Amino acid sequence: MELYRALQNKKLTGMEQELSDYIWDAFHKCEINDQDDFYDLLHQWLDDQVIYTSDCEAILEKNMEYCFDEHEIWGIPEYTAQAAYACLYDYILDNPDVITFCDIEKKINETEKA
């Protein structure tokens, strides 16, 4: 997804900060110990964002190509939630402000050295 187009979508704007806050909170609660934990949490957060049809429609605003085009990872969506998931996934992974596992790993290493 083109990041500039995503920024035109009011629903997507700011979701990267919401996700980063969610991940840091989980890290401080000791729910993230390795890369698998990180990606499990990321995918759970993505799943939670596409539960309601109204949220899916808001995510897909100005991004309707996700309803019809084949996604390189998820394929052709069969329903709105799948299209919204693919759209949000691309937005989150293309956004440079989103926390990554490398950020978490760096913090883990700093903690172990202290």
PDB file of N, CA and C in Angstrom:
ATOM      1  N   MET A   1       0.843  -1.171   0.000  1.00  0.00           N
ATOM      2  CA  MET A   1       0.000   0.000   0.000  1.00  0.00           C
ATOM      3  C   MET A   1       0.889   1.234   0.000  1.00  0.00           C
ATOM      4  N   GLU A   2       0.469   2.197  -0.741  1.00  0.00           N
ATOM      5  CA  GLU A   2       1.182   3.466  -0.758  1.00  0.00           C
ATOM      6  C   GLU A   2       0.902   4.165   0.563  1.00  0.00           C
ATOM      7  N   LEU A   3       1.949   4.493   1.298  1.00  0.00           N
ATOM      8  CA  LEU A   3       1.774   5.097   2.619  1.00  0.00           C
ATOM      9  C   LEU A   3       1.036   6.429   2.526  1.00  0.00           C
ATOM     10  N   TYR A   4       1.300   7.217   1.488  1.00  0.00           N
ATOM     11  CA  TYR A   4       0.611   8.499   1.370  1.00  0.00           C
ATOM     12  C   TYR A   4      -0.894   8.310   1.218  1.00  0.00           C
ATOM     13  N   ARG A   5      -1.316   7.235   0.565  1.00  0.00           N
ATOM     14  CA  ARG A   5      -2.749   6.965   0.420  1.00  0.00           C
ATOM     15  C   ARG A   5      -3.340   6.527   1.745  1.00  0.00           C
ATOM     16  N   ALA A   6      -2.594   5.760   2.492  1.00  0.00           N
ATOM     17  CA  ALA A   6      -3.079   5.302   3.795  1.00  0.00           C
ATOM     18  C   ALA A   6      -3.276   6.474   4.739  1.00  0.00           C
ATOM     19  N   LEU A   7      -2.404   7.454   4.621  1.00  0.00           N
ATOM     20  CA  LEU A   7      -2.506   8.602   5.515  1.00  0.00           C
ATOM     21  C   LEU A   7      -3.752   9.434   5.225  1.00  0.00           C
ATOM     22  N   GLN A   8      -4.330   9.256   4.047  1.00  0.00           N
ATOM     23  CA  GLN A   8      -5.572   9.935   3.712  1.00  0.00           C
ATOM     24  C   GLN A   8      -6.768   9.242   4.375  1.00  0.00           C
ATOM     25  N   ASN A   9      -6.535   8.070   4.889  1.00  0.00           N
ATOM     26  CA  ASN A   9      -7.582   7.287   5.523  1.00  0.00           C
ATOM     27  C   ASN A   9      -7.572   7.599   7.021  1.00  0.00           C
ATOM     28  N   LYS A  10      -8.659   8.170   7.510  1.00  0.00           N
ATOM     29  CA  LYS A  10      -8.716   8.592   8.914  1.00  0.00           C
ATOM     30  C   LYS A  10      -8.627   7.428   9.892  1.00  0.00           C
ATOM     31  N   LYS A  11      -9.119   6.266   9.518  1.00  0.00           N
ATOM     32  CA  LYS A  11      -9.067   5.096  10.398  1.00  0.00           C
ATOM     33  C   LYS A  11      -7.624   4.617  10.578  1.00  0.00           C
ATOM     34  N   LEU A  12      -6.862   4.593   9.500  1.00  0.00           N
ATOM     35  CA  LEU A  12      -5.493   4.090   9.577  1.00  0.00           C
ATOM     36  C   LEU A  12      -4.558   5.061  10.281  1.00  0.00           C
ATOM     37  N   THR A  13      -4.813   6.342  10.142  1.00  0.00           N
ATOM     38  CA  THR A  13      -3.942   7.342  10.749  1.00  0.00           C
ATOM     39  C   THR A  13      -3.887   7.148  12.259  1.00  0.00           C
ATOM     40  N   GLY A  14      -2.710   6.936  12.769  1.00  0.00           N
ATOM     41  CA  GLY A  14      -2.521   6.778  14.206  1.00  0.00           C
ATOM     42  C   GLY A  14      -2.548   5.341  14.691  1.00  0.00           C
ATOM     43  N   MET A  15      -2.924   4.398  13.839  1.00  0.00           N
ATOM     44  CA  MET A  15      -2.969   3.004  14.278  1.00  0.00           C
ATOM     45  C   MET A  15      -1.572   2.462  14.565  1.00  0.00           C
ATOM     46  N   GLU A  16      -0.560   3.020  13.906  1.00  0.00           N
ATOM     47  CA  GLU A  16       0.806   2.556  14.169  1.00  0.00           C
ATOM     48  C   GLU A  16       1.215   2.889  15.601  1.00  0.00           C
ATOM     49  N   GLN A  17       0.766   4.039  16.103  1.00  0.00           N
ATOM     50  CA  GLN A  17       1.074   4.407  17.488  1.00  0.00           C
ATOM     51  C   GLN A  17       0.296   3.518  18.462  1.00  0.00           C
ATOM     52  N   GLU A  18      -0.945   3.221  18.123  1.00  0.00           N
ATOM     53  CA  GLU A  18      -1.761   2.330  18.959  1.00  0.00           C
ATOM     54  C   GLU A  18      -1.112   0.955  19.064  1.00  0.00           C
ATOM     55  N   LEU A  19      -0.631   0.440  17.936  1.00  0.00           N
ATOM     56  CA  LEU A  19       0.035  -0.867  17.940  1.00  0.00           C
ATOM     57  C   LEU A  19       1.326  -0.813  18.753  1.00  0.00           C
ATOM     58  N   SER A  20       2.128   0.213  18.545  1.00  0.00           N
ATOM     59  CA  SER A  20       3.388   0.328  19.280  1.00  0.00           C
ATOM     60  C   SER A  20       3.138   0.391  20.787  1.00  0.00           C
ATOM     61  N   ASP A  21       2.129   1.150  21.199  1.00  0.00           N
ATOM     62  CA  ASP A  21       1.784   1.219  22.619  1.00  0.00           C
ATOM     63  C   ASP A  21       1.362  -0.152  23.148  1.00  0.00           C
ATOM     64  N   TYR A  22       0.583  -0.869  22.367  1.00  0.00           N
ATOM     65  CA  TYR A  22       0.107  -2.206  22.724  1.00  0.00           C
ATOM     66  C   TYR A  22       1.288  -3.170  22.908  1.00  0.00           C
ATOM     67  N   ILE A  23       2.231  -3.124  21.969  1.00  0.00           N
ATOM     68  CA  ILE A  23       3.390  -4.019  22.032  1.00  0.00           C
ATOM     69  C   ILE A  23       4.289  -3.667  23.213  1.00  0.00           C
ATOM     70  N   TRP A  24       4.575  -2.389  23.410  1.00  0.00           N
ATOM     71  CA  TRP A  24       5.423  -2.005  24.552  1.00  0.00           C
ATOM     72  C   TRP A  24       4.775  -2.392  25.874  1.00  0.00           C
ATOM     73  N   ASP A  25       3.464  -2.215  25.947  1.00  0.00           N
ATOM     74  CA  ASP A  25       2.751  -2.602  27.163  1.00  0.00           C
ATOM     75  C   ASP A  25       2.906  -4.100  27.417  1.00  0.00           C
ATOM     76  N   ALA A  26       2.734  -4.898  26.382  1.00  0.00           N
ATOM     77  CA  ALA A  26       2.899  -6.354  26.514  1.00  0.00           C
ATOM     78  C   ALA A  26       4.333  -6.712  26.898  1.00  0.00           C
ATOM     79  N   PHE A  27       5.289  -5.998  26.327  1.00  0.00           N
ATOM     80  CA  PHE A  27       6.693  -6.248  26.661  1.00  0.00           C
ATOM     81  C   PHE A  27       6.945  -5.983  28.149  1.00  0.00           C
ATOM     82  N   HIS A  28       6.428  -4.876  28.654  1.00  0.00           N
ATOM     83  CA  HIS A  28       6.640  -4.529  30.066  1.00  0.00           C
ATOM     84  C   HIS A  28       5.878  -5.464  31.021  1.00  0.00           C
ATOM     85  N   LYS A  29       4.866  -6.134  30.500  1.00  0.00           N
ATOM     86  CA  LYS A  29       4.147  -7.134  31.300  1.00  0.00           C
ATOM     87  C   LYS A  29       4.776  -8.521  31.141  1.00  0.00           C
ATOM     88  N   CYS A  30       5.930  -8.577  30.480  1.00  0.00           N
ATOM     89  CA  CYS A  30       6.677  -9.825  30.252  1.00  0.00           C
ATOM     90  C   CYS A  30       5.913 -10.830  29.396  1.00  0.00           C
ATOM     91  N   GLU A  31       5.104 -10.342  28.473  1.00  0.00           N
ATOM     92  CA  GLU A  31       4.365 -11.215  27.564  1.00  0.00           C
ATOM     93  C   GLU A  31       5.141 -11.473  26.280  1.00  0.00           C
ATOM     94  N   ILE A  32       6.239 -10.749  26.072  1.00  0.00           N
ATOM     95  CA  ILE A  32       7.070 -10.933  24.877  1.00  0.00           C
ATOM     96  C   ILE A  32       8.460 -11.350  25.334  1.00  0.00           C
ATOM     97  N   ASN A  33       8.810 -12.580  24.997  1.00  0.00           N
ATOM     98  CA  ASN A  33      10.125 -13.102  25.373  1.00  0.00           C
ATOM     99  C   ASN A  33      10.973 -13.469  24.163  1.00  0.00           C
ATOM    100  N   ASP A  34      10.323 -13.610  23.011  1.00  0.00           N
ATOM    101  CA  ASP A  34      11.063 -13.969  21.804  1.00  0.00           C
ATOM    102  C   ASP A  34      10.290 -13.496  20.573  1.00  0.00           C
ATOM    103  N   GLN A  35      10.836 -13.787  19.405  1.00  0.00           N
ATOM    104  CA  GLN A  35      10.245 -13.328  18.150  1.00  0.00           C
ATOM    105  C   GLN A  35       8.862 -13.934  17.923  1.00  0.00           C
ATOM    106  N   ASP A  36       8.669 -15.189  18.307  1.00  0.00           N
ATOM    107  CA  ASP A  36       7.353 -15.823  18.150  1.00  0.00           C
ATOM    108  C   ASP A  36       6.291 -15.088  18.964  1.00  0.00           C
ATOM    109  N   ASP A  37       6.629 -14.726  20.196  1.00  0.00           N
ATOM    110  CA  ASP A  37       5.691 -13.973  21.040  1.00  0.00           C
ATOM    111  C   ASP A  37       5.333 -12.640  20.384  1.00  0.00           C
ATOM    112  N   PHE A  38       6.348 -11.970  19.841  1.00  0.00           N
ATOM    113  CA  PHE A  38       6.126 -10.678  19.201  1.00  0.00           C
ATOM    114  C   PHE A  38       5.144 -10.812  18.041  1.00  0.00           C
ATOM    115  N   TYR A  39       5.398 -11.772  17.141  1.00  0.00           N
ATOM    116  CA  TYR A  39       4.533 -11.919  15.970  1.00  0.00           C
ATOM    117  C   TYR A  39       3.161 -12.472  16.327  1.00  0.00           C
ATOM    118  N   ASP A  40       3.068 -13.302  17.342  1.00  0.00           N
ATOM    119  CA  ASP A  40       1.756 -13.751  17.814  1.00  0.00           C
ATOM    120  C   ASP A  40       0.931 -12.561  18.297  1.00  0.00           C
ATOM    121  N   LEU A  41       1.569 -11.692  19.050  1.00  0.00           N
ATOM    122  CA  LEU A  41       0.901 -10.495  19.564  1.00  0.00           C
ATOM    123  C   LEU A  41       0.510  -9.555  18.429  1.00  0.00           C
ATOM    124  N   LEU A  42       1.399  -9.372  17.460  1.00  0.00           N
ATOM    125  CA  LEU A  42       1.100  -8.520  16.300  1.00  0.00           C
ATOM    126  C   LEU A  42      -0.112  -9.042  15.551  1.00  0.00           C
ATOM    127  N   HIS A  43      -0.140 -10.335  15.273  1.00  0.00           N
ATOM    128  CA  HIS A  43      -1.266 -10.907  14.528  1.00  0.00           C
ATOM    129  C   HIS A  43      -2.549 -10.894  15.346  1.00  0.00           C
ATOM    130  N   GLN A  44      -2.452 -11.051  16.651  1.00  0.00           N
ATOM    131  CA  GLN A  44      -3.638 -10.947  17.503  1.00  0.00           C
ATOM    132  C   GLN A  44      -4.201  -9.526  17.454  1.00  0.00           C
ATOM    133  N   TRP A  45      -3.325  -8.531  17.492  1.00  0.00           N
ATOM    134  CA  TRP A  45      -3.762  -7.135  17.410  1.00  0.00           C
ATOM    135  C   TRP A  45      -4.440  -6.875  16.074  1.00  0.00           C
ATOM    136  N   LEU A  46      -3.835  -7.378  14.993  1.00  0.00           N
ATOM    137  CA  LEU A  46      -4.446  -7.206  13.666  1.00  0.00           C
ATOM    138  C   LEU A  46      -5.821  -7.870  13.617  1.00  0.00           C
ATOM    139  N   ASP A  47      -5.930  -9.083  14.147  1.00  0.00           N
ATOM    140  CA  ASP A  47      -7.226  -9.777  14.194  1.00  0.00           C
ATOM    141  C   ASP A  47      -8.272  -8.955  14.939  1.00  0.00           C
ATOM    142  N   ASP A  48      -7.864  -8.367  16.051  1.00  0.00           N
ATOM    143  CA  ASP A  48      -8.796  -7.580  16.868  1.00  0.00           C
ATOM    144  C   ASP A  48      -9.298  -6.336  16.143  1.00  0.00           C
ATOM    145  N   GLN A  49      -8.522  -5.820  15.211  1.00  0.00           N
ATOM    146  CA  GLN A  49      -8.905  -4.594  14.507  1.00  0.00           C
ATOM    147  C   GLN A  49      -9.942  -4.839  13.413  1.00  0.00           C
ATOM    148  N   VAL A  50     -10.109  -6.080  12.989  1.00  0.00           N
ATOM    149  CA  VAL A  50     -11.020  -6.372  11.870  1.00  0.00           C
ATOM    150  C   VAL A  50     -12.213  -7.234  12.292  1.00  0.00           C
ATOM    151  N   ILE A  51     -12.599  -7.139  13.545  1.00  0.00           N
ATOM    152  CA  ILE A  51     -13.743  -7.909  14.042  1.00  0.00           C
ATOM    153  C   ILE A  51     -15.052  -7.343  13.510  1.00  0.00           C
ATOM    154  N   TYR A  52     -15.198  -6.033  13.552  1.00  0.00           N
ATOM    155  CA  TYR A  52     -16.458  -5.390  13.186  1.00  0.00           C
ATOM    156  C   TYR A  52     -16.432  -4.904  11.744  1.00  0.00           C
ATOM    157  N   THR A  53     -17.529  -5.119  11.039  1.00  0.00           N
ATOM    158  CA  THR A  53     -17.647  -4.717   9.644  1.00  0.00           C
ATOM    159  C   THR A  53     -17.412  -3.224   9.475  1.00  0.00           C
ATOM    160  N   SER A  54     -17.918  -2.420  10.394  1.00  0.00           N
ATOM    161  CA  SER A  54     -17.744  -0.970  10.271  1.00  0.00           C
ATOM    162  C   SER A  54     -16.261  -0.587  10.346  1.00  0.00           C
ATOM    163  N   ASP A  55     -15.485  -1.264  11.189  1.00  0.00           N
ATOM    164  CA  ASP A  55     -14.046  -1.005  11.261  1.00  0.00           C
ATOM    165  C   ASP A  55     -13.352  -1.438   9.974  1.00  0.00           C
ATOM    166  N   CYS A  56     -13.766  -2.576   9.440  1.00  0.00           N
ATOM    167  CA  CYS A  56     -13.187  -3.068   8.183  1.00  0.00           C
ATOM    168  C   CYS A  56     -13.449  -2.083   7.049  1.00  0.00           C
ATOM    169  N   GLU A  57     -14.685  -1.598   6.974  1.00  0.00           N
ATOM    170  CA  GLU A  57     -15.033  -0.642   5.928  1.00  0.00           C
ATOM    171  C   GLU A  57     -14.237   0.644   6.083  1.00  0.00           C
ATOM    172  N   ALA A  58     -14.013   1.076   7.318  1.00  0.00           N
ATOM    173  CA  ALA A  58     -13.229   2.290   7.560  1.00  0.00           C
ATOM    174  C   ALA A  58     -11.770   2.076   7.165  1.00  0.00           C
ATOM    175  N   ILE A  59     -11.223   0.901   7.434  1.00  0.00           N
ATOM    176  CA  ILE A  59      -9.844   0.587   7.049  1.00  0.00           C
ATOM    177  C   ILE A  59      -9.717   0.579   5.533  1.00  0.00           C
ATOM    178  N   LEU A  60     -10.735   0.092   4.846  1.00  0.00           N
ATOM    179  CA  LEU A  60     -10.690  -0.043   3.391  1.00  0.00           C
ATOM    180  C   LEU A  60     -11.038   1.249   2.646  1.00  0.00           C
ATOM    181  N   GLU A  61     -11.464   2.276   3.374  1.00  0.00           N
ATOM    182  CA  GLU A  61     -11.776   3.544   2.714  1.00  0.00           C
ATOM    183  C   GLU A  61     -10.551   4.029   1.944  1.00  0.00           C
ATOM    184  N   LYS A  62     -10.727   4.309   0.660  1.00  0.00           N
ATOM    185  CA  LYS A  62      -9.656   4.738  -0.258  1.00  0.00           C
ATOM    186  C   LYS A  62      -8.629   3.634  -0.509  1.00  0.00           C
ATOM    187  N   ASN A  63      -8.939   2.419  -0.123  1.00  0.00           N
ATOM    188  CA  ASN A  63      -8.054   1.264  -0.335  1.00  0.00           C
ATOM    189  C   ASN A  63      -8.851   0.058  -0.843  1.00  0.00           C
ATOM    190  N   MET A  64      -9.852   0.317  -1.648  1.00  0.00           N
ATOM    191  CA  MET A  64     -10.758  -0.750  -2.083  1.00  0.00           C
ATOM    192  C   MET A  64     -10.090  -1.799  -2.964  1.00  0.00           C
ATOM    193  N   GLU A  65      -8.913  -1.502  -3.507  1.00  0.00           N
ATOM    194  CA  GLU A  65      -8.242  -2.509  -4.332  1.00  0.00           C
ATOM    195  C   GLU A  65      -7.964  -3.779  -3.531  1.00  0.00           C
ATOM    196  N   TYR A  66      -7.912  -3.661  -2.209  1.00  0.00           N
ATOM    197  CA  TYR A  66      -7.688  -4.843  -1.367  1.00  0.00           C
ATOM    198  C   TYR A  66      -8.866  -5.818  -1.415  1.00  0.00           C
ATOM    199  N   CYS A  67     -10.022  -5.343  -1.854  1.00  0.00           N
ATOM    200  CA  CYS A  67     -11.193  -6.220  -1.962  1.00  0.00           C
ATOM    201  C   CYS A  67     -11.142  -7.085  -3.214  1.00  0.00           C
ATOM    202  N   PHE A  68     -10.361  -6.660  -4.200  1.00  0.00           N
ATOM    203  CA  PHE A  68     -10.405  -7.333  -5.493  1.00  0.00           C
ATOM    204  C   PHE A  68      -9.071  -7.909  -5.941  1.00  0.00           C
ATOM    205  N   ASP A  69      -7.985  -7.282  -5.549  1.00  0.00           N
ATOM    206  CA  ASP A  69      -6.668  -7.717  -6.000  1.00  0.00           C
ATOM    207  C   ASP A  69      -6.136  -8.851  -5.143  1.00  0.00           C
ATOM    208  N   GLU A  70      -5.292  -9.667  -5.738  1.00  0.00           N
ATOM    209  CA  GLU A  70      -4.647 -10.743  -4.988  1.00  0.00           C
ATOM    210  C   GLU A  70      -3.491 -10.171  -4.186  1.00  0.00           C
ATOM    211  N   HIS A  71      -3.485 -10.458  -2.906  1.00  0.00           N
ATOM    212  CA  HIS A  71      -2.404 -10.009  -2.027  1.00  0.00           C
ATOM    213  C   HIS A  71      -1.285 -11.033  -2.102  1.00  0.00           C
ATOM    214  N   GLU A  72      -0.046 -10.557  -2.080  1.00  0.00           N
ATOM    215  CA  GLU A  72       1.100 -11.452  -2.233  1.00  0.00           C
ATOM    216  C   GLU A  72       1.209 -12.499  -1.131  1.00  0.00           C
ATOM    217  N   ILE A  73       0.687 -12.212   0.056  1.00  0.00           N
ATOM    218  CA  ILE A  73       0.742 -13.168   1.164  1.00  0.00           C
ATOM    219  C   ILE A  73      -0.608 -13.832   1.397  1.00  0.00           C
ATOM    220  N   TRP A  74      -1.665 -13.049   1.424  1.00  0.00           N
ATOM    221  CA  TRP A  74      -2.976 -13.542   1.845  1.00  0.00           C
ATOM    222  C   TRP A  74      -3.876 -13.980   0.696  1.00  0.00           C
ATOM    223  N   GLY A  75      -3.485 -13.723  -0.550  1.00  0.00           N
ATOM    224  CA  GLY A  75      -4.292 -14.131  -1.698  1.00  0.00           C
ATOM    225  C   GLY A  75      -5.473 -13.205  -1.930  1.00  0.00           C
ATOM    226  N   ILE A  76      -6.467 -13.699  -2.662  1.00  0.00           N
ATOM    227  CA  ILE A  76      -7.674 -12.914  -2.951  1.00  0.00           C
ATOM    228  C   ILE A  76      -8.625 -13.055  -1.768  1.00  0.00           C
ATOM    229  N   PRO A  77      -9.087 -11.924  -1.214  1.00  0.00           N
ATOM    230  CA  PRO A  77      -9.969 -12.012  -0.042  1.00  0.00           C
ATOM    231  C   PRO A  77     -11.340 -12.570  -0.399  1.00  0.00           C
ATOM    232  N   GLU A  78     -11.898 -13.331   0.529  1.00  0.00           N
ATOM    233  CA  GLU A  78     -13.230 -13.886   0.335  1.00  0.00           C
ATOM    234  C   GLU A  78     -14.302 -13.029   0.993  1.00  0.00           C
ATOM    235  N   TYR A  79     -13.907 -12.202   1.942  1.00  0.00           N
ATOM    236  CA  TYR A  79     -14.853 -11.312   2.602  1.00  0.00           C
ATOM    237  C   TYR A  79     -14.127 -10.061   3.095  1.00  0.00           C
ATOM    238  N   THR A  80     -14.890  -9.099   3.545  1.00  0.00           N
ATOM    239  CA  THR A  80     -14.382  -7.773   3.897  1.00  0.00           C
ATOM    240  C   THR A  80     -13.292  -7.818   4.957  1.00  0.00           C
ATOM    241  N   ALA A  81     -13.440  -8.646   5.970  1.00  0.00           N
ATOM    242  CA  ALA A  81     -12.444  -8.705   7.042  1.00  0.00           C
ATOM    243  C   ALA A  81     -11.084  -9.152   6.513  1.00  0.00           C
ATOM    244  N   GLN A  82     -11.063 -10.064   5.569  1.00  0.00           N
ATOM    245  CA  GLN A  82      -9.789 -10.500   4.992  1.00  0.00           C
ATOM    246  C   GLN A  82      -9.126  -9.374   4.207  1.00  0.00           C
ATOM    247  N   ALA A  83      -9.913  -8.620   3.464  1.00  0.00           N
ATOM    248  CA  ALA A  83      -9.374  -7.487   2.707  1.00  0.00           C
ATOM    249  C   ALA A  83      -8.840  -6.425   3.659  1.00  0.00           C
ATOM    250  N   ALA A  84      -9.580  -6.142   4.722  1.00  0.00           N
ATOM    251  CA  ALA A  84      -9.148  -5.141   5.702  1.00  0.00           C
ATOM    252  C   ALA A  84      -7.881  -5.601   6.423  1.00  0.00           C
ATOM    253  N   TYR A  85      -7.805  -6.875   6.737  1.00  0.00           N
ATOM    254  CA  TYR A  85      -6.615  -7.427   7.399  1.00  0.00           C
ATOM    255  C   TYR A  85      -5.384  -7.218   6.512  1.00  0.00           C
ATOM    256  N   ALA A  86      -5.503  -7.550   5.229  1.00  0.00           N
ATOM    257  CA  ALA A  86      -4.381  -7.389   4.298  1.00  0.00           C
ATOM    258  C   ALA A  86      -3.974  -5.924   4.180  1.00  0.00           C
ATOM    259  N   CYS A  87      -4.939  -5.040   4.108  1.00  0.00           N
ATOM    260  CA  CYS A  87      -4.683  -3.606   4.014  1.00  0.00           C
ATOM    261  C   CYS A  87      -3.959  -3.111   5.266  1.00  0.00           C
ATOM    262  N   LEU A  88      -4.477  -3.459   6.422  1.00  0.00           N
ATOM    263  CA  LEU A  88      -3.872  -3.034   7.682  1.00  0.00           C
ATOM    264  C   LEU A  88      -2.479  -3.645   7.851  1.00  0.00           C
ATOM    265  N   TYR A  89      -2.336  -4.892   7.479  1.00  0.00           N
ATOM    266  CA  TYR A  89      -1.032  -5.570   7.540  1.00  0.00           C
ATOM    267  C   TYR A  89       0.010  -4.803   6.725  1.00  0.00           C
ATOM    268  N   ASP A  90      -0.340  -4.448   5.490  1.00  0.00           N
ATOM    269  CA  ASP A  90       0.590  -3.709   4.642  1.00  0.00           C
ATOM    270  C   ASP A  90       0.899  -2.340   5.227  1.00  0.00           C
ATOM    271  N   TYR A  91      -0.128  -1.676   5.727  1.00  0.00           N
ATOM    272  CA  TYR A  91       0.074  -0.349   6.312  1.00  0.00           C
ATOM    273  C   TYR A  91       1.033  -0.416   7.497  1.00  0.00           C
ATOM    274  N   ILE A  92       0.812  -1.375   8.369  1.00  0.00           N
ATOM    275  CA  ILE A  92       1.637  -1.512   9.563  1.00  0.00           C
ATOM    276  C   ILE A  92       3.078  -1.887   9.200  1.00  0.00           C
ATOM    277  N   LEU A  93       3.241  -2.851   8.314  1.00  0.00           N
ATOM    278  CA  LEU A  93       4.599  -3.283   7.978  1.00  0.00           C
ATOM    279  C   LEU A  93       5.361  -2.276   7.129  1.00  0.00           C
ATOM    280  N   ASP A  94       4.659  -1.406   6.395  1.00  0.00           N
ATOM    281  CA  ASP A  94       5.326  -0.391   5.582  1.00  0.00           C
ATOM    282  C   ASP A  94       5.599   0.891   6.354  1.00  0.00           C
ATOM    283  N   ASN A  95       5.067   0.988   7.551  1.00  0.00           N
ATOM    284  CA  ASN A  95       5.195   2.224   8.318  1.00  0.00           C
ATOM    285  C   ASN A  95       6.487   2.211   9.127  1.00  0.00           C
ATOM    286  N   PRO A  96       7.367   3.197   8.908  1.00  0.00           N
ATOM    287  CA  PRO A  96       8.648   3.200   9.616  1.00  0.00           C
ATOM    288  C   PRO A  96       8.535   3.516  11.113  1.00  0.00           C
ATOM    289  N   ASP A  97       7.384   4.004  11.544  1.00  0.00           N
ATOM    290  CA  ASP A  97       7.207   4.369  12.952  1.00  0.00           C
ATOM    291  C   ASP A  97       6.736   3.214  13.828  1.00  0.00           C
ATOM    292  N   VAL A  98       6.417   2.088  13.221  1.00  0.00           N
ATOM    293  CA  VAL A  98       5.913   0.941  13.979  1.00  0.00           C
ATOM    294  C   VAL A  98       7.075   0.211  14.630  1.00  0.00           C
ATOM    295  N   ILE A  99       6.858  -0.186  15.854  1.00  0.00           N
ATOM    296  CA  ILE A  99       7.862  -0.945  16.600  1.00  0.00           C
ATOM    297  C   ILE A  99       8.118  -2.276  15.887  1.00  0.00           C
ATOM    298  N   THR A 100       9.362  -2.711  15.916  1.00  0.00           N
ATOM    299  CA  THR A 100       9.734  -3.987  15.311  1.00  0.00           C
ATOM    300  C   THR A 100      10.294  -4.917  16.389  1.00  0.00           C
ATOM    301  N   PHE A 101      10.467  -6.164  16.035  1.00  0.00           N
ATOM    302  CA  PHE A 101      11.065  -7.088  16.994  1.00  0.00           C
ATOM    303  C   PHE A 101      12.496  -6.674  17.315  1.00  0.00           C
ATOM    304  N   CYS A 102      13.193  -6.070  16.370  1.00  0.00           N
ATOM    305  CA  CYS A 102      14.565  -5.594  16.625  1.00  0.00           C
ATOM    306  C   CYS A 102      14.590  -4.578  17.760  1.00  0.00           C
ATOM    307  N   ASP A 103      13.569  -3.712  17.822  1.00  0.00           N
ATOM    308  CA  ASP A 103      13.472  -2.744  18.916  1.00  0.00           C
ATOM    309  C   ASP A 103      13.304  -3.459  20.255  1.00  0.00           C
ATOM    310  N   ILE A 104      12.459  -4.472  20.261  1.00  0.00           N
ATOM    311  CA  ILE A 104      12.218  -5.257  21.483  1.00  0.00           C
ATOM    312  C   ILE A 104      13.486  -6.007  21.875  1.00  0.00           C
ATOM    313  N   GLU A 105      14.114  -6.632  20.894  1.00  0.00           N
ATOM    314  CA  GLU A 105      15.330  -7.406  21.153  1.00  0.00           C
ATOM    315  C   GLU A 105      16.432  -6.510  21.728  1.00  0.00           C
ATOM    316  N   LYS A 106      16.548  -5.320  21.195  1.00  0.00           N
ATOM    317  CA  LYS A 106      17.535  -4.361  21.705  1.00  0.00           C
ATOM    318  C   LYS A 106      17.255  -4.050  23.173  1.00  0.00           C
ATOM    319  N   LYS A 107      16.002  -3.858  23.512  1.00  0.00           N
ATOM    320  CA  LYS A 107      15.619  -3.554  24.894  1.00  0.00           C
ATOM    321  C   LYS A 107      15.884  -4.764  25.795  1.00  0.00           C
ATOM    322  N   ILE A 108      15.613  -5.969  25.302  1.00  0.00           N
ATOM    323  CA  ILE A 108      15.879  -7.196  26.069  1.00  0.00           C
ATOM    324  C   ILE A 108      17.369  -7.297  26.373  1.00  0.00           C
ATOM    325  N   ASN A 109      18.196  -7.054  25.350  1.00  0.00           N
ATOM    326  CA  ASN A 109      19.645  -7.130  25.537  1.00  0.00           C
ATOM    327  C   ASN A 109      20.144  -6.089  26.527  1.00  0.00           C
ATOM    328  N   GLU A 110      19.587  -4.900  26.483  1.00  0.00           N
ATOM    329  CA  GLU A 110      19.958  -3.846  27.440  1.00  0.00           C
ATOM    330  C   GLU A 110      19.592  -4.259  28.861  1.00  0.00           C
ATOM    331  N   THR A 111      18.447  -4.883  29.002  1.00  0.00           N
ATOM    332  CA  THR A 111      17.963  -5.324  30.324  1.00  0.00           C
ATOM    333  C   THR A 111      18.848  -6.432  30.881  1.00  0.00           C
ATOM    334  N   GLU A 112      19.265  -7.353  30.004  1.00  0.00           N
ATOM    335  CA  GLU A 112      20.107  -8.465  30.454  1.00  0.00           C
ATOM    336  C   GLU A 112      21.492  -7.991  30.873  1.00  0.00           C
ATOM    337  N   LYS A 113      21.989  -6.931  30.260  1.00  0.00           N
ATOM    338  CA  LYS A 113      23.313  -6.403  30.592  1.00  0.00           C
ATOM    339  C   LYS A 113      23.286  -5.656  31.912  1.00  0.00           C
ATOM    340  N   ALA A 114      22.132  -5.131  32.272  1.00  0.00           N
ATOM    341  CA  ALA A 114      22.042  -4.329  33.508  1.00  0.00           C
ATOM    342  C   ALA A 114      22.005  -5.178  34.753  1.00  0.00           C
TER     343      ALA A 114
END
